[in-house]
Amino acid sequence: MLLLCGCGYHFAGAGTTVPSGARTLSISLFGNRTREHGLEVNLRRKLTEEFRRRGPLELVSDRDGDVLLAGTIRHFSTIPVASTANSEAVQFQGVIQISFRLTERDTGRLLYENKLLQESLDFGAVNTVVVTSSPRFQRGTIDSRDLAQMTNVQVGETRRRETLDDLLELLARDVYLQSMEGF
């Protein structure tokens, strides 16, 4: 066991990549290579919430932190994964990909980098496919009593936006865990 510890081996989550002297963190506005307008603003908001809620570092304005978090939203799409006999898409999968890095401001030293972090979630796009008793649906903005009067386009777009919001929350959690806790 001592030999393993002496050679730098450690268990996942056992440490942080952040220098011990770091007290503050800045989260830059990520670049957005998608056609989804404002996605970078929503991701920054989710990251800020996650780091504020969990993190030991104080969040400060852009570029003033001891540690800087920056990245790029590389891809977002919704892909049909199930359809009816008439080829009408009834189930989609939302997929989002980002890259990010954590650097020390003073030295520019790279503390952590992930060149491809991907999350995906499925969602129903037709009122007969949506499971209204699921916790995910109940957190959303659609009232199950109104579902029957909505067109499939309305249901699909609403569920797409809710799924995108959930994907951003998952990304924020994963960015925090990877960059701060070594998972």
N, C-alpha and C. Protein backbone atom coordinates (compact mmCIF):
# COMPACT_ATOMS: atom_id res chain seq x y z
N MET A 1 0.82 -1.19 0.00
CA MET A 1 0.00 0.00 0.00
C MET A 1 0.87 1.26 0.00
N LEU A 2 1.92 1.27 0.82
CA LEU A 2 2.81 2.43 0.85
C LEU A 2 3.48 2.66 -0.49
N LEU A 3 3.81 1.58 -1.17
CA LEU A 3 4.44 1.70 -2.49
C LEU A 3 3.49 2.38 -3.47
N LEU A 4 2.22 2.02 -3.42
CA LEU A 4 1.23 2.64 -4.31
C LEU A 4 1.09 4.13 -4.02
N CYS A 5 1.03 4.49 -2.77
CA CYS A 5 0.90 5.91 -2.39
C CYS A 5 2.15 6.69 -2.77
N GLY A 6 3.29 6.08 -2.65
CA GLY A 6 4.54 6.75 -2.95
C GLY A 6 4.75 7.04 -4.42
N CYS A 7 4.09 6.28 -5.30
CA CYS A 7 4.30 6.49 -6.73
C CYS A 7 3.24 7.41 -7.33
N GLY A 8 2.43 8.06 -6.51
CA GLY A 8 1.45 9.02 -7.02
C GLY A 8 0.08 8.43 -7.24
N TYR A 9 -0.10 7.13 -6.98
CA TYR A 9 -1.40 6.51 -7.15
C TYR A 9 -2.37 7.09 -6.13
N HIS A 10 -3.60 7.36 -6.56
CA HIS A 10 -4.63 7.78 -5.63
C HIS A 10 -5.98 7.32 -6.15
N PHE A 11 -6.93 7.19 -5.25
CA PHE A 11 -8.27 6.78 -5.62
C PHE A 11 -9.00 7.94 -6.26
N ALA A 12 -9.86 7.63 -7.24
CA ALA A 12 -10.66 8.68 -7.89
C ALA A 12 -11.46 9.42 -6.83
N GLY A 13 -11.49 10.73 -6.92
CA GLY A 13 -12.23 11.52 -5.96
C GLY A 13 -11.48 11.80 -4.69
N ALA A 14 -10.28 11.30 -4.57
CA ALA A 14 -9.53 11.45 -3.33
C ALA A 14 -8.84 12.79 -3.22
N GLY A 15 -8.83 13.57 -4.27
CA GLY A 15 -8.11 14.83 -4.19
C GLY A 15 -8.62 15.82 -5.22
N THR A 16 -8.08 16.99 -5.15
CA THR A 16 -8.47 18.05 -6.06
C THR A 16 -7.28 18.47 -6.90
N THR A 17 -7.55 19.04 -8.06
CA THR A 17 -6.48 19.53 -8.91
C THR A 17 -6.18 21.00 -8.62
N VAL A 18 -6.94 21.59 -7.73
CA VAL A 18 -6.81 23.01 -7.40
C VAL A 18 -5.67 23.22 -6.41
N PRO A 19 -4.78 24.16 -6.69
CA PRO A 19 -3.68 24.44 -5.74
C PRO A 19 -4.22 24.84 -4.37
N SER A 20 -3.50 24.47 -3.33
CA SER A 20 -3.96 24.72 -1.95
C SER A 20 -4.11 26.22 -1.66
N GLY A 21 -3.36 27.06 -2.33
CA GLY A 21 -3.44 28.50 -2.08
C GLY A 21 -4.58 29.20 -2.81
N ALA A 22 -5.26 28.50 -3.68
CA ALA A 22 -6.34 29.12 -4.45
C ALA A 22 -7.56 29.36 -3.56
N ARG A 23 -8.11 30.55 -3.67
CA ARG A 23 -9.29 30.92 -2.86
C ARG A 23 -10.48 31.34 -3.73
N THR A 24 -10.20 31.75 -4.98
CA THR A 24 -11.28 32.27 -5.83
C THR A 24 -11.29 31.58 -7.19
N LEU A 25 -12.46 31.61 -7.84
CA LEU A 25 -12.67 30.98 -9.14
C LEU A 25 -13.44 31.92 -10.04
N SER A 26 -13.01 32.01 -11.29
CA SER A 26 -13.75 32.74 -12.32
C SER A 26 -14.24 31.74 -13.35
N ILE A 27 -15.49 31.91 -13.78
CA ILE A 27 -16.07 31.06 -14.82
C ILE A 27 -16.28 31.93 -16.05
N SER A 28 -15.52 31.64 -17.08
CA SER A 28 -15.63 32.40 -18.33
C SER A 28 -16.88 31.98 -19.10
N LEU A 29 -17.34 32.87 -19.95
CA LEU A 29 -18.42 32.54 -20.86
C LEU A 29 -17.84 31.58 -21.90
N PHE A 30 -18.39 30.37 -21.97
CA PHE A 30 -17.88 29.37 -22.91
C PHE A 30 -18.16 29.82 -24.34
N GLY A 31 -17.29 29.43 -25.25
CA GLY A 31 -17.56 29.62 -26.67
C GLY A 31 -18.73 28.74 -27.07
N ASN A 32 -19.50 29.17 -28.05
CA ASN A 32 -20.68 28.41 -28.48
C ASN A 32 -20.58 28.12 -29.97
N ARG A 33 -20.30 26.87 -30.30
CA ARG A 33 -20.23 26.47 -31.70
C ARG A 33 -21.53 25.87 -32.21
N THR A 34 -22.61 26.03 -31.47
CA THR A 34 -23.89 25.48 -31.89
C THR A 34 -24.77 26.59 -32.48
N ARG A 35 -25.90 26.19 -32.99
CA ARG A 35 -26.87 27.16 -33.50
C ARG A 35 -27.88 27.57 -32.43
N GLU A 36 -27.66 27.08 -31.24
CA GLU A 36 -28.58 27.33 -30.13
C GLU A 36 -28.20 28.66 -29.46
N HIS A 37 -28.95 29.69 -29.76
CA HIS A 37 -28.67 31.04 -29.26
C HIS A 37 -28.79 31.10 -27.74
N GLY A 38 -27.77 31.66 -27.09
CA GLY A 38 -27.79 31.88 -25.64
C GLY A 38 -27.41 30.67 -24.81
N LEU A 39 -27.02 29.59 -25.45
CA LEU A 39 -26.66 28.37 -24.73
C LEU A 39 -25.49 28.60 -23.79
N GLU A 40 -24.52 29.42 -24.22
CA GLU A 40 -23.35 29.69 -23.39
C GLU A 40 -23.72 30.46 -22.12
N VAL A 41 -24.72 31.32 -22.20
CA VAL A 41 -25.18 32.07 -21.02
C VAL A 41 -25.86 31.12 -20.03
N ASN A 42 -26.69 30.22 -20.55
CA ASN A 42 -27.38 29.27 -19.68
C ASN A 42 -26.40 28.29 -19.04
N LEU A 43 -25.39 27.86 -19.79
CA LEU A 43 -24.39 26.97 -19.21
C LEU A 43 -23.60 27.68 -18.11
N ARG A 44 -23.23 28.91 -18.34
CA ARG A 44 -22.49 29.66 -17.31
C ARG A 44 -23.33 29.82 -16.05
N ARG A 45 -24.62 30.06 -16.21
CA ARG A 45 -25.52 30.19 -15.06
C ARG A 45 -25.58 28.87 -14.27
N LYS A 46 -25.68 27.75 -14.98
CA LYS A 46 -25.73 26.44 -14.32
C LYS A 46 -24.40 26.13 -13.62
N LEU A 47 -23.29 26.45 -14.28
CA LEU A 47 -21.98 26.24 -13.67
C LEU A 47 -21.82 27.09 -12.41
N THR A 48 -22.24 28.34 -12.50
CA THR A 48 -22.15 29.24 -11.35
C THR A 48 -22.97 28.70 -10.19
N GLU A 49 -24.18 28.24 -10.46
CA GLU A 49 -25.03 27.67 -9.40
C GLU A 49 -24.36 26.45 -8.76
N GLU A 50 -23.82 25.57 -9.61
CA GLU A 50 -23.20 24.33 -9.11
C GLU A 50 -21.97 24.63 -8.27
N PHE A 51 -21.10 25.50 -8.74
CA PHE A 51 -19.87 25.81 -8.00
C PHE A 51 -20.18 26.60 -6.73
N ARG A 52 -21.18 27.44 -6.77
CA ARG A 52 -21.56 28.19 -5.57
C ARG A 52 -22.13 27.25 -4.52
N ARG A 53 -22.94 26.31 -4.95
CA ARG A 53 -23.60 25.38 -4.04
C ARG A 53 -22.61 24.39 -3.42
N ARG A 54 -21.63 23.93 -4.21
CA ARG A 54 -20.77 22.85 -3.76
C ARG A 54 -19.34 23.26 -3.46
N GLY A 55 -18.87 24.28 -4.12
CA GLY A 55 -17.44 24.54 -4.15
C GLY A 55 -16.86 25.25 -2.95
N PRO A 56 -15.61 24.93 -2.68
CA PRO A 56 -14.90 25.60 -1.60
C PRO A 56 -14.35 26.96 -2.03
N LEU A 57 -14.37 27.24 -3.34
CA LEU A 57 -13.80 28.49 -3.84
C LEU A 57 -14.88 29.56 -3.97
N GLU A 58 -14.50 30.79 -3.68
CA GLU A 58 -15.41 31.92 -3.85
C GLU A 58 -15.44 32.29 -5.33
N LEU A 59 -16.63 32.50 -5.87
CA LEU A 59 -16.77 32.90 -7.28
C LEU A 59 -16.59 34.41 -7.40
N VAL A 60 -15.75 34.81 -8.35
CA VAL A 60 -15.49 36.23 -8.59
C VAL A 60 -15.67 36.53 -10.07
N SER A 61 -15.64 37.80 -10.41
CA SER A 61 -15.88 38.21 -11.79
C SER A 61 -14.85 37.63 -12.76
N ASP A 62 -15.22 37.65 -14.01
CA ASP A 62 -14.43 37.04 -15.09
C ASP A 62 -12.97 37.50 -15.05
N ARG A 63 -12.06 36.53 -15.06
CA ARG A 63 -10.61 36.71 -15.16
C ARG A 63 -9.93 37.21 -13.88
N ASP A 64 -10.69 37.39 -12.78
CA ASP A 64 -10.07 37.86 -11.54
C ASP A 64 -9.77 36.73 -10.56
N GLY A 65 -10.22 35.52 -10.83
CA GLY A 65 -10.04 34.40 -9.90
C GLY A 65 -8.64 33.84 -9.91
N ASP A 66 -8.29 33.19 -8.82
CA ASP A 66 -7.01 32.48 -8.75
C ASP A 66 -6.99 31.34 -9.76
N VAL A 67 -8.18 30.76 -9.99
CA VAL A 67 -8.36 29.65 -10.90
C VAL A 67 -9.42 30.05 -11.92
N LEU A 68 -9.19 29.70 -13.20
CA LEU A 68 -10.11 30.06 -14.28
C LEU A 68 -10.69 28.81 -14.91
N LEU A 69 -12.00 28.82 -15.09
CA LEU A 69 -12.70 27.74 -15.79
C LEU A 69 -13.19 28.30 -17.12
N ALA A 70 -12.80 27.67 -18.21
CA ALA A 70 -13.19 28.13 -19.55
C ALA A 70 -13.44 26.91 -20.43
N GLY A 71 -14.13 27.13 -21.54
CA GLY A 71 -14.36 26.01 -22.44
C GLY A 71 -15.17 26.40 -23.65
N THR A 72 -15.63 25.37 -24.34
CA THR A 72 -16.40 25.54 -25.57
C THR A 72 -17.55 24.55 -25.60
N ILE A 73 -18.71 25.04 -25.98
CA ILE A 73 -19.84 24.14 -26.26
C ILE A 73 -19.65 23.71 -27.70
N ARG A 74 -19.36 22.45 -27.90
CA ARG A 74 -18.98 21.96 -29.22
C ARG A 74 -20.16 21.51 -30.06
N HIS A 75 -21.18 20.95 -29.41
CA HIS A 75 -22.26 20.34 -30.20
C HIS A 75 -23.52 20.22 -29.36
N PHE A 76 -24.65 20.47 -29.98
CA PHE A 76 -25.96 20.15 -29.40
C PHE A 76 -26.87 19.71 -30.52
N SER A 77 -27.54 18.58 -30.30
CA SER A 77 -28.50 18.11 -31.30
C SER A 77 -29.59 17.30 -30.64
N THR A 78 -30.70 17.18 -31.34
CA THR A 78 -31.75 16.26 -30.96
C THR A 78 -31.93 15.28 -32.11
N ILE A 79 -31.85 14.02 -31.78
CA ILE A 79 -31.86 12.96 -32.77
C ILE A 79 -33.08 12.07 -32.54
N PRO A 80 -33.88 11.78 -33.58
CA PRO A 80 -34.99 10.85 -33.40
C PRO A 80 -34.47 9.45 -33.08
N VAL A 81 -35.04 8.82 -32.05
CA VAL A 81 -34.61 7.48 -31.69
C VAL A 81 -35.75 6.46 -31.74
N ALA A 82 -36.98 6.93 -31.88
CA ALA A 82 -38.13 6.03 -32.03
C ALA A 82 -39.18 6.72 -32.88
N SER A 83 -39.84 5.92 -33.70
CA SER A 83 -40.87 6.49 -34.57
C SER A 83 -42.03 5.53 -34.70
N THR A 84 -43.15 6.05 -35.21
CA THR A 84 -44.34 5.24 -35.44
C THR A 84 -44.20 4.50 -36.77
N ALA A 85 -45.17 3.67 -37.07
CA ALA A 85 -45.18 2.94 -38.34
C ALA A 85 -45.25 3.90 -39.53
N ASN A 86 -45.76 5.11 -39.30
CA ASN A 86 -45.85 6.14 -40.34
C ASN A 86 -44.60 7.02 -40.39
N SER A 87 -43.55 6.62 -39.72
CA SER A 87 -42.27 7.34 -39.68
C SER A 87 -42.36 8.70 -38.99
N GLU A 88 -43.30 8.84 -38.07
CA GLU A 88 -43.38 10.06 -37.26
C GLU A 88 -42.52 9.87 -36.02
N ALA A 89 -41.56 10.75 -35.81
CA ALA A 89 -40.68 10.66 -34.64
C ALA A 89 -41.49 10.91 -33.38
N VAL A 90 -41.37 9.99 -32.41
CA VAL A 90 -42.09 10.13 -31.15
C VAL A 90 -41.16 10.23 -29.95
N GLN A 91 -39.92 9.83 -30.13
CA GLN A 91 -38.93 9.88 -29.06
C GLN A 91 -37.63 10.43 -29.65
N PHE A 92 -37.03 11.35 -28.91
CA PHE A 92 -35.77 11.96 -29.34
C PHE A 92 -34.72 11.77 -28.26
N GLN A 93 -33.47 11.96 -28.67
CA GLN A 93 -32.37 11.99 -27.72
C GLN A 93 -31.66 13.33 -27.89
N GLY A 94 -31.56 14.06 -26.79
CA GLY A 94 -30.78 15.29 -26.79
C GLY A 94 -29.34 14.97 -26.44
N VAL A 95 -28.40 15.47 -27.23
CA VAL A 95 -26.97 15.21 -27.01
C VAL A 95 -26.24 16.54 -27.00
N ILE A 96 -25.41 16.74 -25.98
CA ILE A 96 -24.61 17.96 -25.90
C ILE A 96 -23.17 17.58 -25.57
N GLN A 97 -22.24 18.29 -26.19
CA GLN A 97 -20.81 18.03 -25.98
C GLN A 97 -20.11 19.35 -25.68
N ILE A 98 -19.21 19.30 -24.70
CA ILE A 98 -18.39 20.47 -24.38
C ILE A 98 -16.95 20.02 -24.19
N SER A 99 -16.06 20.98 -24.21
CA SER A 99 -14.69 20.78 -23.75
C SER A 99 -14.44 21.89 -22.73
N PHE A 100 -13.60 21.61 -21.75
CA PHE A 100 -13.31 22.64 -20.74
C PHE A 100 -11.93 22.43 -20.15
N ARG A 101 -11.43 23.49 -19.54
CA ARG A 101 -10.13 23.44 -18.89
C ARG A 101 -10.15 24.34 -17.65
N LEU A 102 -9.36 23.94 -16.70
CA LEU A 102 -9.18 24.69 -15.46
C LEU A 102 -7.72 25.09 -15.41
N THR A 103 -7.46 26.39 -15.29
CA THR A 103 -6.08 26.87 -15.28
C THR A 103 -5.83 27.77 -14.08
N GLU A 104 -4.57 27.84 -13.70
CA GLU A 104 -4.14 28.75 -12.65
C GLU A 104 -3.85 30.10 -13.31
N ARG A 105 -4.50 31.15 -12.83
CA ARG A 105 -4.39 32.46 -13.49
C ARG A 105 -2.97 33.00 -13.51
N ASP A 106 -2.30 32.99 -12.39
CA ASP A 106 -0.97 33.62 -12.29
C ASP A 106 0.08 32.95 -13.17
N THR A 107 0.06 31.63 -13.21
CA THR A 107 1.11 30.90 -13.95
C THR A 107 0.65 30.42 -15.32
N GLY A 108 -0.68 30.35 -15.53
CA GLY A 108 -1.20 29.80 -16.78
C GLY A 108 -1.11 28.28 -16.82
N ARG A 109 -0.73 27.68 -15.72
CA ARG A 109 -0.58 26.22 -15.64
C ARG A 109 -1.94 25.53 -15.76
N LEU A 110 -1.99 24.54 -16.64
CA LEU A 110 -3.20 23.75 -16.83
C LEU A 110 -3.38 22.81 -15.65
N LEU A 111 -4.51 22.95 -14.96
CA LEU A 111 -4.77 22.11 -13.79
C LEU A 111 -5.59 20.89 -14.16
N TYR A 112 -6.53 21.08 -15.09
CA TYR A 112 -7.38 19.97 -15.53
C TYR A 112 -7.94 20.32 -16.91
N GLU A 113 -8.08 19.29 -17.74
CA GLU A 113 -8.68 19.50 -19.05
C GLU A 113 -9.47 18.27 -19.46
N ASN A 114 -10.64 18.51 -20.05
CA ASN A 114 -11.43 17.45 -20.65
C ASN A 114 -11.80 17.95 -22.04
N LYS A 115 -11.29 17.27 -23.05
CA LYS A 115 -11.49 17.72 -24.42
C LYS A 115 -12.84 17.30 -24.99
N LEU A 116 -13.52 16.37 -24.32
CA LEU A 116 -14.84 15.96 -24.79
C LEU A 116 -15.66 15.38 -23.65
N LEU A 117 -16.58 16.16 -23.16
CA LEU A 117 -17.54 15.72 -22.15
C LEU A 117 -18.90 15.71 -22.82
N GLN A 118 -19.58 14.58 -22.78
CA GLN A 118 -20.87 14.46 -23.47
C GLN A 118 -21.94 13.97 -22.50
N GLU A 119 -23.12 14.53 -22.62
CA GLU A 119 -24.29 14.08 -21.88
C GLU A 119 -25.42 13.87 -22.88
N SER A 120 -26.32 12.95 -22.57
CA SER A 120 -27.48 12.72 -23.42
C SER A 120 -28.68 12.33 -22.56
N LEU A 121 -29.86 12.71 -23.03
CA LEU A 121 -31.12 12.36 -22.38
C LEU A 121 -32.17 12.14 -23.46
N ASP A 122 -33.07 11.20 -23.20
CA ASP A 122 -34.19 10.96 -24.11
C ASP A 122 -35.41 11.74 -23.67
N PHE A 123 -36.24 12.11 -24.64
CA PHE A 123 -37.49 12.78 -24.32
C PHE A 123 -38.56 12.46 -25.35
N GLY A 124 -39.81 12.36 -24.87
CA GLY A 124 -40.94 12.12 -25.76
C GLY A 124 -41.38 13.41 -26.40
N ALA A 125 -41.84 13.30 -27.66
CA ALA A 125 -42.23 14.51 -28.40
C ALA A 125 -43.67 14.46 -28.86
N VAL A 126 -44.42 13.46 -28.42
CA VAL A 126 -45.81 13.32 -28.79
C VAL A 126 -46.59 13.13 -27.50
N ASN A 127 -47.76 13.77 -27.39
CA ASN A 127 -48.47 13.73 -26.12
C ASN A 127 -48.84 12.31 -25.67
N THR A 128 -48.92 11.35 -26.57
CA THR A 128 -49.23 9.98 -26.18
C THR A 128 -48.00 9.21 -25.70
N VAL A 129 -46.81 9.77 -25.86
CA VAL A 129 -45.56 9.10 -25.47
C VAL A 129 -45.02 9.65 -24.15
N VAL A 130 -45.43 10.84 -23.76
CA VAL A 130 -44.92 11.48 -22.54
C VAL A 130 -45.48 10.77 -21.31
N VAL A 131 -44.61 10.40 -20.39
CA VAL A 131 -45.01 9.74 -19.14
C VAL A 131 -45.21 10.82 -18.09
N THR A 132 -46.48 11.19 -17.88
CA THR A 132 -46.78 12.32 -17.00
C THR A 132 -46.53 12.03 -15.53
N SER A 133 -46.40 10.77 -15.15
CA SER A 133 -46.15 10.45 -13.74
C SER A 133 -44.66 10.44 -13.41
N SER A 134 -43.80 10.61 -14.42
CA SER A 134 -42.36 10.59 -14.15
C SER A 134 -41.93 11.85 -13.42
N PRO A 135 -40.96 11.73 -12.52
CA PRO A 135 -40.47 12.92 -11.80
C PRO A 135 -39.93 13.98 -12.74
N ARG A 136 -39.31 13.55 -13.82
CA ARG A 136 -38.75 14.51 -14.78
C ARG A 136 -39.86 15.34 -15.43
N PHE A 137 -40.97 14.71 -15.81
CA PHE A 137 -42.09 15.45 -16.39
C PHE A 137 -42.68 16.40 -15.35
N GLN A 138 -42.84 15.93 -14.14
CA GLN A 138 -43.48 16.75 -13.11
C GLN A 138 -42.66 17.96 -12.72
N ARG A 139 -41.34 17.93 -12.93
CA ARG A 139 -40.49 19.10 -12.68
C ARG A 139 -40.64 20.13 -13.80
N GLY A 140 -41.16 19.71 -14.94
CA GLY A 140 -41.23 20.58 -16.12
C GLY A 140 -42.35 21.59 -16.05
N THR A 141 -42.60 22.22 -17.20
CA THR A 141 -43.55 23.34 -17.25
C THR A 141 -44.89 22.97 -17.87
N ILE A 142 -45.05 21.75 -18.37
CA ILE A 142 -46.31 21.35 -19.00
C ILE A 142 -47.24 20.80 -17.94
N ASP A 143 -48.48 21.27 -17.91
CA ASP A 143 -49.52 20.72 -17.04
C ASP A 143 -50.11 19.51 -17.76
N SER A 144 -50.16 18.37 -17.07
CA SER A 144 -50.64 17.14 -17.72
C SER A 144 -52.07 17.28 -18.23
N ARG A 145 -52.88 18.15 -17.63
CA ARG A 145 -54.27 18.35 -18.10
C ARG A 145 -54.29 19.07 -19.44
N ASP A 146 -53.26 19.87 -19.74
CA ASP A 146 -53.19 20.60 -21.01
C ASP A 146 -52.56 19.79 -22.13
N LEU A 147 -51.97 18.68 -21.79
CA LEU A 147 -51.21 17.89 -22.75
C LEU A 147 -52.05 17.44 -23.95
N ALA A 148 -53.28 17.03 -23.72
CA ALA A 148 -54.13 16.52 -24.81
C ALA A 148 -54.46 17.60 -25.84
N GLN A 149 -54.49 18.87 -25.43
CA GLN A 149 -54.82 19.96 -26.35
C GLN A 149 -53.59 20.49 -27.11
N MET A 150 -52.43 20.07 -26.72
CA MET A 150 -51.21 20.58 -27.36
C MET A 150 -50.90 19.78 -28.63
N THR A 151 -50.36 20.48 -29.62
CA THR A 151 -49.92 19.79 -30.83
C THR A 151 -48.61 19.07 -30.53
N ASN A 152 -48.27 18.11 -31.37
CA ASN A 152 -47.01 17.39 -31.19
C ASN A 152 -45.81 18.32 -31.29
N VAL A 153 -45.92 19.35 -32.13
CA VAL A 153 -44.84 20.32 -32.26
C VAL A 153 -44.65 21.08 -30.95
N GLN A 154 -45.75 21.48 -30.32
CA GLN A 154 -45.66 22.19 -29.05
C GLN A 154 -45.07 21.30 -27.96
N VAL A 155 -45.55 20.07 -27.90
CA VAL A 155 -45.02 19.13 -26.90
C VAL A 155 -43.54 18.89 -27.14
N GLY A 156 -43.17 18.64 -28.39
CA GLY A 156 -41.78 18.36 -28.73
C GLY A 156 -40.85 19.50 -28.38
N GLU A 157 -41.25 20.72 -28.73
CA GLU A 157 -40.39 21.88 -28.46
C GLU A 157 -40.27 22.15 -26.96
N THR A 158 -41.36 22.01 -26.24
CA THR A 158 -41.32 22.22 -24.78
C THR A 158 -40.42 21.17 -24.12
N ARG A 159 -40.60 19.91 -24.51
CA ARG A 159 -39.79 18.84 -23.94
C ARG A 159 -38.31 19.00 -24.34
N ARG A 160 -38.06 19.49 -25.54
CA ARG A 160 -36.68 19.73 -26.00
C ARG A 160 -36.00 20.78 -25.12
N ARG A 161 -36.71 21.88 -24.84
CA ARG A 161 -36.14 22.93 -23.99
C ARG A 161 -35.90 22.44 -22.57
N GLU A 162 -36.85 21.67 -22.03
CA GLU A 162 -36.68 21.12 -20.69
C GLU A 162 -35.51 20.15 -20.64
N THR A 163 -35.37 19.34 -21.68
CA THR A 163 -34.25 18.39 -21.75
C THR A 163 -32.93 19.13 -21.84
N LEU A 164 -32.87 20.18 -22.62
CA LEU A 164 -31.64 20.97 -22.73
C LEU A 164 -31.27 21.55 -21.37
N ASP A 165 -32.23 22.04 -20.63
CA ASP A 165 -31.97 22.56 -19.29
C ASP A 165 -31.42 21.46 -18.38
N ASP A 166 -32.02 20.27 -18.46
CA ASP A 166 -31.53 19.14 -17.66
C ASP A 166 -30.11 18.75 -18.08
N LEU A 167 -29.82 18.77 -19.37
CA LEU A 167 -28.48 18.45 -19.86
C LEU A 167 -27.45 19.44 -19.33
N LEU A 168 -27.80 20.72 -19.29
CA LEU A 168 -26.88 21.73 -18.76
C LEU A 168 -26.61 21.50 -17.28
N GLU A 169 -27.63 21.08 -16.53
CA GLU A 169 -27.43 20.76 -15.11
C GLU A 169 -26.49 19.57 -14.94
N LEU A 170 -26.67 18.55 -15.79
CA LEU A 170 -25.78 17.39 -15.74
C LEU A 170 -24.34 17.78 -16.07
N LEU A 171 -24.17 18.61 -17.09
CA LEU A 171 -22.83 19.07 -17.45
C LEU A 171 -22.18 19.84 -16.31
N ALA A 172 -22.94 20.74 -15.70
CA ALA A 172 -22.41 21.55 -14.60
C ALA A 172 -21.94 20.65 -13.45
N ARG A 173 -22.74 19.64 -13.14
CA ARG A 173 -22.36 18.70 -12.07
C ARG A 173 -21.08 17.96 -12.45
N ASP A 174 -21.02 17.47 -13.69
CA ASP A 174 -19.85 16.71 -14.13
C ASP A 174 -18.60 17.58 -14.19
N VAL A 175 -18.73 18.82 -14.66
CA VAL A 175 -17.58 19.73 -14.70
C VAL A 175 -17.05 19.95 -13.28
N TYR A 176 -17.96 20.18 -12.34
CA TYR A 176 -17.53 20.37 -10.95
C TYR A 176 -16.82 19.12 -10.43
N LEU A 177 -17.45 17.96 -10.59
CA LEU A 177 -16.87 16.73 -10.05
C LEU A 177 -15.50 16.42 -10.66
N GLN A 178 -15.40 16.60 -11.96
CA GLN A 178 -14.12 16.30 -12.62
C GLN A 178 -13.02 17.30 -12.25
N SER A 179 -13.33 18.55 -12.29
CA SER A 179 -12.30 19.57 -12.08
C SER A 179 -11.97 19.81 -10.62
N MET A 180 -12.92 19.62 -9.74
CA MET A 180 -12.69 19.95 -8.33
C MET A 180 -12.49 18.74 -7.44
N GLU A 181 -13.09 17.60 -7.79
CA GLU A 181 -13.01 16.45 -6.90
C GLU A 181 -12.29 15.27 -7.52
N GLY A 182 -11.83 15.41 -8.75
CA GLY A 182 -11.04 14.35 -9.37
C GLY A 182 -11.82 13.13 -9.81
N PHE A 183 -13.15 13.25 -9.99
CA PHE A 183 -13.95 12.11 -10.47
C PHE A 183 -14.00 12.12 -11.97
